[in-house]
Amino acid sequence: METNTTLTQLLEETKKIHDLLADRIPKHRPMVLEQQPTQEVPEHVDITWLTDYFGISKGTFYNEVDGKLLEAILNIGRRPYYLKSDVIELMTERKKKHLGFKKLNTERKKKENK
């Protein structure tokens, strides 16, 4: 019998809590669910993001891209960050011309020397 009385008391307490919450929370206000953060490209991107985006290794990045095609805008500690718009420009140029990074480097050097 103790179990039934305990359950009854528990049920009554739960009803009281429910009634109190119903009084405090207005019914006409819709509950706003938190929006999931979207997977947008960050304003500044790091090397791991770049290598995934370009589909190249870190070695290729350091040999052909870093300091030649892209310049680091920001350094936090020893980690360089690059501007997102520069990265996207480089990718569109690469796709337009259908060239690899090494050929893009030589092409830019030829333009600078002329």
C-alpha atoms as a PDB file:
ATOM      1  CA  MET A   1       0.000   0.000   0.000  1.00  0.00           C
ATOM      2  CA  GLU A   2       2.908   2.318   0.583  1.00  0.00           C
ATOM      3  CA  THR A   3       3.752   2.181  -3.109  1.00  0.00           C
ATOM      4  CA  ASN A   4       0.257   3.342  -4.107  1.00  0.00           C
ATOM      5  CA  THR A   5       0.291   6.265  -1.678  1.00  0.00           C
ATOM      6  CA  THR A   6       3.770   7.270  -2.808  1.00  0.00           C
ATOM      7  CA  LEU A   7       2.704   7.139  -6.450  1.00  0.00           C
ATOM      8  CA  THR A   8      -0.417   9.166  -5.668  1.00  0.00           C
ATOM      9  CA  GLN A   9       1.630  11.851  -3.907  1.00  0.00           C
ATOM     10  CA  LEU A  10       4.091  11.905  -6.756  1.00  0.00           C
ATOM     11  CA  LEU A  11       1.265  12.325  -9.268  1.00  0.00           C
ATOM     12  CA  GLU A  12      -0.233  15.185  -7.261  1.00  0.00           C
ATOM     13  CA  GLU A  13       3.132  16.956  -7.063  1.00  0.00           C
ATOM     14  CA  THR A  14       3.632  16.526 -10.787  1.00  0.00           C
ATOM     15  CA  LYS A  15       0.196  18.038 -11.468  1.00  0.00           C
ATOM     16  CA  LYS A  16       1.047  21.029  -9.254  1.00  0.00           C
ATOM     17  CA  ILE A  17       4.315  21.573 -11.104  1.00  0.00           C
ATOM     18  CA  HIS A  18       2.499  21.306 -14.425  1.00  0.00           C
ATOM     19  CA  ASP A  19      -0.105  23.860 -13.333  1.00  0.00           C
ATOM     20  CA  LEU A  20       2.576  26.274 -12.110  1.00  0.00           C
ATOM     21  CA  LEU A  21       4.473  26.012 -15.369  1.00  0.00           C
ATOM     22  CA  ALA A  22       1.287  26.482 -17.372  1.00  0.00           C
ATOM     23  CA  ASP A  23       0.618  29.724 -15.468  1.00  0.00           C
ATOM     24  CA  ARG A  24       4.158  31.043 -15.940  1.00  0.00           C
ATOM     25  CA  ILE A  25       4.599  30.190 -19.624  1.00  0.00           C
ATOM     26  CA  PRO A  26       2.188  32.067 -21.881  1.00  0.00           C
ATOM     27  CA  LYS A  27       0.293  29.857 -24.286  1.00  0.00           C
ATOM     28  CA  HIS A  28       0.144  32.379 -27.112  1.00  0.00           C
ATOM     29  CA  ARG A  29       3.941  32.643 -27.392  1.00  0.00           C
ATOM     30  CA  PRO A  30       5.231  29.991 -29.777  1.00  0.00           C
ATOM     31  CA  MET A  31       8.285  28.104 -28.646  1.00  0.00           C
ATOM     32  CA  VAL A  32      11.286  29.095 -30.680  1.00  0.00           C
ATOM     33  CA  LEU A  33      13.582  26.216 -31.380  1.00  0.00           C
ATOM     34  CA  GLU A  34      17.269  26.965 -31.566  1.00  0.00           C
ATOM     35  CA  GLN A  35      18.485  26.932 -35.115  1.00  0.00           C
ATOM     36  CA  GLN A  36      21.237  24.518 -35.953  1.00  0.00           C
ATOM     37  CA  PRO A  37      24.411  26.307 -36.963  1.00  0.00           C
ATOM     38  CA  THR A  38      24.838  26.088 -40.692  1.00  0.00           C
ATOM     39  CA  GLN A  39      27.989  24.724 -42.243  1.00  0.00           C
ATOM     40  CA  GLU A  40      29.075  28.023 -43.752  1.00  0.00           C
ATOM     41  CA  VAL A  41      32.607  28.730 -44.776  1.00  0.00           C
ATOM     42  CA  PRO A  42      34.332  30.732 -42.043  1.00  0.00           C
ATOM     43  CA  GLU A  43      35.599  34.221 -42.806  1.00  0.00           C
ATOM     44  CA  HIS A  44      39.185  33.095 -42.274  1.00  0.00           C
ATOM     45  CA  VAL A  45      40.188  29.535 -43.056  1.00  0.00           C
ATOM     46  CA  ASP A  46      43.110  27.445 -41.882  1.00  0.00           C
ATOM     47  CA  ILE A  47      45.350  24.989 -43.686  1.00  0.00           C
ATOM     48  CA  THR A  48      43.355  21.866 -42.846  1.00  0.00           C
ATOM     49  CA  TRP A  49      40.209  23.434 -44.310  1.00  0.00           C
ATOM     50  CA  LEU A  50      42.144  24.551 -47.398  1.00  0.00           C
ATOM     51  CA  THR A  51      43.655  21.134 -48.068  1.00  0.00           C
ATOM     52  CA  ASP A  52      40.213  19.535 -47.785  1.00  0.00           C
ATOM     53  CA  TYR A  53      38.682  22.189 -50.056  1.00  0.00           C
ATOM     54  CA  PHE A  54      41.383  21.929 -52.721  1.00  0.00           C
ATOM     55  CA  GLY A  55      41.797  18.184 -52.329  1.00  0.00           C
ATOM     56  CA  ILE A  56      45.566  18.404 -51.974  1.00  0.00           C
ATOM     57  CA  SER A  57      48.123  17.363 -49.383  1.00  0.00           C
ATOM     58  CA  LYS A  58      49.761  19.750 -46.939  1.00  0.00           C
ATOM     59  CA  GLY A  59      53.066  19.319 -48.743  1.00  0.00           C
ATOM     60  CA  THR A  60      51.564  20.430 -52.033  1.00  0.00           C
ATOM     61  CA  PHE A  61      49.943  23.343 -50.266  1.00  0.00           C
ATOM     62  CA  TYR A  62      53.210  24.543 -48.745  1.00  0.00           C
ATOM     63  CA  ASN A  63      55.226  23.957 -51.932  1.00  0.00           C
ATOM     64  CA  GLU A  64      52.846  25.410 -54.518  1.00  0.00           C
ATOM     65  CA  VAL A  65      50.219  27.601 -52.840  1.00  0.00           C
ATOM     66  CA  ASP A  66      51.487  29.159 -49.615  1.00  0.00           C
ATOM     67  CA  GLY A  67      53.273  32.449 -50.280  1.00  0.00           C
ATOM     68  CA  LYS A  68      52.871  32.104 -54.038  1.00  0.00           C
ATOM     69  CA  LEU A  69      49.173  31.944 -54.818  1.00  0.00           C
ATOM     70  CA  LEU A  70      47.798  32.773 -51.353  1.00  0.00           C
ATOM     71  CA  GLU A  71      49.172  34.987 -48.618  1.00  0.00           C
ATOM     72  CA  ALA A  72      48.300  34.467 -44.965  1.00  0.00           C
ATOM     73  CA  ILE A  73      46.212  37.350 -43.663  1.00  0.00           C
ATOM     74  CA  LEU A  74      46.290  36.468 -39.995  1.00  0.00           C
ATOM     75  CA  ASN A  75      48.520  34.412 -37.738  1.00  0.00           C
ATOM     76  CA  ILE A  76      47.260  33.100 -34.430  1.00  0.00           C
ATOM     77  CA  GLY A  77      50.202  31.566 -32.671  1.00  0.00           C
ATOM     78  CA  ARG A  78      52.063  29.713 -35.378  1.00  0.00           C
ATOM     79  CA  ARG A  79      48.923  28.918 -37.336  1.00  0.00           C
ATOM     80  CA  PRO A  80      48.263  30.980 -40.488  1.00  0.00           C
ATOM     81  CA  TYR A  81      44.761  31.884 -41.611  1.00  0.00           C
ATOM     82  CA  TYR A  82      43.739  32.870 -45.120  1.00  0.00           C
ATOM     83  CA  LEU A  83      40.918  35.070 -46.352  1.00  0.00           C
ATOM     84  CA  LYS A  84      37.932  33.084 -47.587  1.00  0.00           C
ATOM     85  CA  SER A  85      37.329  35.303 -50.618  1.00  0.00           C
ATOM     86  CA  ASP A  86      40.934  34.831 -51.801  1.00  0.00           C
ATOM     87  CA  VAL A  87      40.594  31.061 -51.523  1.00  0.00           C
ATOM     88  CA  ILE A  88      37.367  31.019 -53.523  1.00  0.00           C
ATOM     89  CA  GLU A  89      38.900  33.296 -56.198  1.00  0.00           C
ATOM     90  CA  LEU A  90      41.859  30.948 -56.542  1.00  0.00           C
ATOM     91  CA  MET A  91      39.588  27.925 -56.843  1.00  0.00           C
ATOM     92  CA  THR A  92      37.438  29.559 -59.543  1.00  0.00           C
ATOM     93  CA  GLU A  93      40.554  30.635 -61.477  1.00  0.00           C
ATOM     94  CA  ARG A  94      41.904  27.112 -61.229  1.00  0.00           C
ATOM     95  CA  LYS A  95      38.640  25.601 -62.464  1.00  0.00           C
ATOM     96  CA  LYS A  96      38.341  28.086 -65.352  1.00  0.00           C
ATOM     97  CA  LYS A  97      41.799  27.430 -66.680  1.00  0.00           C
ATOM     98  CA  HIS A  98      41.869  23.729 -65.790  1.00  0.00           C
ATOM     99  CA  LEU A  99      45.388  24.071 -64.432  1.00  0.00           C
ATOM    100  CA  GLY A 100      47.194  22.695 -61.440  1.00  0.00           C
ATOM    101  CA  PHE A 101      48.752  24.923 -58.814  1.00  0.00           C
ATOM    102  CA  LYS A 102      52.254  24.587 -60.248  1.00  0.00           C
ATOM    103  CA  LYS A 103      51.130  25.760 -63.687  1.00  0.00           C
ATOM    104  CA  LEU A 104      49.194  28.629 -62.119  1.00  0.00           C
ATOM    105  CA  ASN A 105      52.402  29.688 -60.350  1.00  0.00           C
ATOM    106  CA  THR A 106      54.438  29.682 -63.552  1.00  0.00           C
ATOM    107  CA  GLU A 107      51.679  31.517 -65.403  1.00  0.00           C
ATOM    108  CA  ARG A 108      51.542  34.264 -62.773  1.00  0.00           C
ATOM    109  CA  LYS A 109      55.338  34.585 -62.768  1.00  0.00           C
ATOM    110  CA  LYS A 110      55.321  35.042 -66.557  1.00  0.00           C
ATOM    111  CA  LYS A 111      52.693  37.789 -66.253  1.00  0.00           C
ATOM    112  CA  GLU A 112      54.740  39.562 -63.556  1.00  0.00           C
ATOM    113  CA  ASN A 113      57.929  39.433 -65.644  1.00  0.00           C
ATOM    114  CA  LYS A 114      56.310  40.955 -68.735  1.00  0.00           C
END
